[in-house]
Amino acid sequence: MAAEPAGTSAHPTLAPAGAPLSPAPNAETIRVEVTYARPERAWRVSLTLPAGTTALQAFEASGLRVRVVELARSEPDLGVFAQAVGPGHVLRDGDRVEVYRPLLIDPKDARRKRAAQT
């Protein structure tokens, strides 16, 4: 997918994989990324947003709720750099908001089932 023009929350930029975030243009804005991955595809959206933006606001601004069918149904589980955060978590410049997929099966249950089959 080609990168879209750089912009604000109304026009997110799809960043190429591995591209670093550039610093926010001023103290009143922050640069963040919102990411979501499936086994076969990943999305990474770079945004410039007002300082004080929350994790949920960044997710909504990313447009992923509209582009990814399974994200349209409910409020997503979010994290920042692999640490779970609530939707009201205030972001800092350079944060990466991660949208987590729901577990299909509890890992402990999966392990028990595998152990029972052997």
C-alpha atoms as a PDB file:
ATOM      1  CA  MET A   1       0.000   0.000   0.000  1.00  0.00           C
ATOM      2  CA  ALA A   2       1.399   3.399  -0.943  1.00  0.00           C
ATOM      3  CA  ALA A   3       2.005   5.960   1.774  1.00  0.00           C
ATOM      4  CA  GLU A   4      -0.615   8.679   2.056  1.00  0.00           C
ATOM      5  CA  PRO A   5       0.385  12.351   2.368  1.00  0.00           C
ATOM      6  CA  ALA A   6       1.542  13.371   5.837  1.00  0.00           C
ATOM      7  CA  GLY A   7      -1.149  14.984   7.900  1.00  0.00           C
ATOM      8  CA  THR A   8      -3.040  15.301  11.137  1.00  0.00           C
ATOM      9  CA  SER A   9      -5.542  12.972  12.704  1.00  0.00           C
ATOM     10  CA  ALA A  10      -7.888  13.574   9.777  1.00  0.00           C
ATOM     11  CA  HIS A  11      -5.242  12.309   7.333  1.00  0.00           C
ATOM     12  CA  PRO A  12      -3.090   9.596   8.899  1.00  0.00           C
ATOM     13  CA  THR A  13       0.129   8.566   7.217  1.00  0.00           C
ATOM     14  CA  LEU A  14       0.749   4.895   6.576  1.00  0.00           C
ATOM     15  CA  ALA A  15       4.415   4.565   7.436  1.00  0.00           C
ATOM     16  CA  PRO A  16       6.706   2.028   5.781  1.00  0.00           C
ATOM     17  CA  ALA A  17       7.802  -0.766   8.096  1.00  0.00           C
ATOM     18  CA  GLY A  18      10.892   0.144  10.085  1.00  0.00           C
ATOM     19  CA  ALA A  19      10.662   3.887   9.400  1.00  0.00           C
ATOM     20  CA  PRO A  20      11.472   5.904  12.546  1.00  0.00           C
ATOM     21  CA  LEU A  21       9.082   8.559  13.815  1.00  0.00           C
ATOM     22  CA  SER A  22      10.240  12.089  13.259  1.00  0.00           C
ATOM     23  CA  PRO A  23       9.983  14.442  16.238  1.00  0.00           C
ATOM     24  CA  ALA A  24       6.743  16.352  16.731  1.00  0.00           C
ATOM     25  CA  PRO A  25       6.747  19.719  14.968  1.00  0.00           C
ATOM     26  CA  ASN A  26       6.090  21.664  18.202  1.00  0.00           C
ATOM     27  CA  ALA A  27       5.348  21.261  21.910  1.00  0.00           C
ATOM     28  CA  GLU A  28       1.588  21.409  21.308  1.00  0.00           C
ATOM     29  CA  THR A  29       1.592  18.251  19.175  1.00  0.00           C
ATOM     30  CA  ILE A  30       2.902  14.715  19.496  1.00  0.00           C
ATOM     31  CA  ARG A  31       3.873  12.115  16.892  1.00  0.00           C
ATOM     32  CA  VAL A  32       2.577   8.615  17.594  1.00  0.00           C
ATOM     33  CA  GLU A  33       2.066   5.362  15.724  1.00  0.00           C
ATOM     34  CA  VAL A  34      -0.936   3.087  15.931  1.00  0.00           C
ATOM     35  CA  THR A  35      -0.310  -0.534  14.973  1.00  0.00           C
ATOM     36  CA  TYR A  36      -2.443  -3.632  14.484  1.00  0.00           C
ATOM     37  CA  ALA A  37      -1.354  -7.015  13.167  1.00  0.00           C
ATOM     38  CA  ARG A  38      -2.907 -10.214  11.952  1.00  0.00           C
ATOM     39  CA  PRO A  39      -0.798 -13.243  11.054  1.00  0.00           C
ATOM     40  CA  GLU A  40      -1.042 -12.341   7.342  1.00  0.00           C
ATOM     41  CA  ARG A  41      -1.024  -8.521   7.456  1.00  0.00           C
ATOM     42  CA  ALA A  42       0.005  -5.567   9.609  1.00  0.00           C
ATOM     43  CA  TRP A  43      -1.090  -1.924   9.724  1.00  0.00           C
ATOM     44  CA  ARG A  44       1.089   0.931  10.977  1.00  0.00           C
ATOM     45  CA  VAL A  45      -0.312   4.459  10.959  1.00  0.00           C
ATOM     46  CA  SER A  46       1.776   7.510  11.891  1.00  0.00           C
ATOM     47  CA  LEU A  47      -0.124  10.467  13.298  1.00  0.00           C
ATOM     48  CA  THR A  48       0.518  14.001  14.474  1.00  0.00           C
ATOM     49  CA  LEU A  49      -1.972  14.750  17.239  1.00  0.00           C
ATOM     50  CA  PRO A  50      -2.528  17.396  19.917  1.00  0.00           C
ATOM     51  CA  ALA A  51      -0.583  16.971  23.150  1.00  0.00           C
ATOM     52  CA  GLY A  52      -2.823  15.301  25.738  1.00  0.00           C
ATOM     53  CA  THR A  53      -4.297  12.802  23.264  1.00  0.00           C
ATOM     54  CA  THR A  54      -5.321   9.469  24.805  1.00  0.00           C
ATOM     55  CA  ALA A  55      -4.649   5.969  23.490  1.00  0.00           C
ATOM     56  CA  LEU A  56      -8.291   5.531  22.451  1.00  0.00           C
ATOM     57  CA  GLN A  57      -8.345   8.913  20.682  1.00  0.00           C
ATOM     58  CA  ALA A  58      -5.219   7.946  18.728  1.00  0.00           C
ATOM     59  CA  PHE A  59      -6.815   4.631  17.773  1.00  0.00           C
ATOM     60  CA  GLU A  60      -9.941   6.408  16.535  1.00  0.00           C
ATOM     61  CA  ALA A  61      -7.843   8.974  14.630  1.00  0.00           C
ATOM     62  CA  SER A  62      -5.890   6.187  12.914  1.00  0.00           C
ATOM     63  CA  GLY A  63      -8.918   5.062  10.924  1.00  0.00           C
ATOM     64  CA  LEU A  64      -8.225   1.408  11.724  1.00  0.00           C
ATOM     65  CA  ARG A  65     -11.722   0.925  13.146  1.00  0.00           C
ATOM     66  CA  VAL A  66     -13.094   1.647   9.654  1.00  0.00           C
ATOM     67  CA  ARG A  67     -10.406  -0.212   7.671  1.00  0.00           C
ATOM     68  CA  VAL A  68     -10.240  -3.408   9.739  1.00  0.00           C
ATOM     69  CA  VAL A  69     -13.564  -5.239  10.090  1.00  0.00           C
ATOM     70  CA  GLU A  70     -12.862  -6.992  13.392  1.00  0.00           C
ATOM     71  CA  LEU A  71     -12.020  -3.674  15.085  1.00  0.00           C
ATOM     72  CA  ALA A  72     -15.435  -2.149  14.308  1.00  0.00           C
ATOM     73  CA  ARG A  73     -17.303  -4.244  16.877  1.00  0.00           C
ATOM     74  CA  SER A  74     -16.063  -3.159  20.288  1.00  0.00           C
ATOM     75  CA  GLU A  75     -13.574  -1.098  22.236  1.00  0.00           C
ATOM     76  CA  PRO A  76     -10.125  -2.583  21.579  1.00  0.00           C
ATOM     77  CA  ASP A  77      -7.524  -3.664  24.101  1.00  0.00           C
ATOM     78  CA  LEU A  78      -4.628  -1.228  23.786  1.00  0.00           C
ATOM     79  CA  GLY A  79      -0.993  -1.078  24.817  1.00  0.00           C
ATOM     80  CA  VAL A  80       2.009   1.216  24.506  1.00  0.00           C
ATOM     81  CA  PHE A  81       5.318  -0.514  23.756  1.00  0.00           C
ATOM     82  CA  ALA A  82       3.958  -3.937  24.896  1.00  0.00           C
ATOM     83  CA  GLN A  83       2.504  -2.606  28.166  1.00  0.00           C
ATOM     84  CA  ALA A  84      -1.287  -2.766  28.459  1.00  0.00           C
ATOM     85  CA  VAL A  85      -2.899   0.643  28.984  1.00  0.00           C
ATOM     86  CA  GLY A  86      -6.440   1.848  29.462  1.00  0.00           C
ATOM     87  CA  PRO A  87      -8.263   3.858  26.812  1.00  0.00           C
ATOM     88  CA  GLY A  88      -7.680   7.061  28.794  1.00  0.00           C
ATOM     89  CA  HIS A  89      -3.889   6.675  28.930  1.00  0.00           C
ATOM     90  CA  VAL A  90      -2.348   9.998  27.858  1.00  0.00           C
ATOM     91  CA  LEU A  91       0.263   9.509  25.147  1.00  0.00           C
ATOM     92  CA  ARG A  92       3.725  11.023  24.901  1.00  0.00           C
ATOM     93  CA  ASP A  93       5.631  12.044  21.816  1.00  0.00           C
ATOM     94  CA  GLY A  94       7.035   8.942  20.076  1.00  0.00           C
ATOM     95  CA  ASP A  95       4.651   6.417  21.665  1.00  0.00           C
ATOM     96  CA  ARG A  96       3.516   3.362  19.693  1.00  0.00           C
ATOM     97  CA  VAL A  97      -0.088   2.420  20.411  1.00  0.00           C
ATOM     98  CA  GLU A  98      -0.663  -1.291  19.839  1.00  0.00           C
ATOM     99  CA  VAL A  99      -4.145  -2.665  19.209  1.00  0.00           C
ATOM    100  CA  TYR A 100      -4.339  -6.206  20.566  1.00  0.00           C
ATOM    101  CA  ARG A 101      -6.334  -9.009  18.962  1.00  0.00           C
ATOM    102  CA  PRO A 102      -8.622 -10.927  21.284  1.00  0.00           C
ATOM    103  CA  LEU A 103      -7.374 -14.335  22.384  1.00  0.00           C
ATOM    104  CA  LEU A 104      -9.159 -17.165  20.623  1.00  0.00           C
ATOM    105  CA  ILE A 105      -8.384 -19.518  23.505  1.00  0.00           C
ATOM    106  CA  ASP A 106      -6.853 -19.020  26.913  1.00  0.00           C
ATOM    107  CA  PRO A 107      -3.168 -20.057  26.722  1.00  0.00           C
ATOM    108  CA  LYS A 108      -3.535 -22.229  29.851  1.00  0.00           C
ATOM    109  CA  ASP A 109      -6.489 -24.085  28.309  1.00  0.00           C
ATOM    110  CA  ALA A 110      -4.555 -24.604  25.068  1.00  0.00           C
ATOM    111  CA  ARG A 111      -1.607 -26.045  27.002  1.00  0.00           C
ATOM    112  CA  ARG A 112      -3.916 -28.400  28.947  1.00  0.00           C
ATOM    113  CA  LYS A 113      -5.512 -29.635  25.709  1.00  0.00           C
ATOM    114  CA  ARG A 114      -2.102 -30.301  24.140  1.00  0.00           C
ATOM    115  CA  ALA A 115      -0.941 -32.137  27.264  1.00  0.00           C
ATOM    116  CA  ALA A 116      -4.107 -34.258  27.298  1.00  0.00           C
ATOM    117  CA  GLN A 117      -3.545 -35.319  23.672  1.00  0.00           C
ATOM    118  CA  THR A 118      -0.100 -36.792  24.382  1.00  0.00           C
END
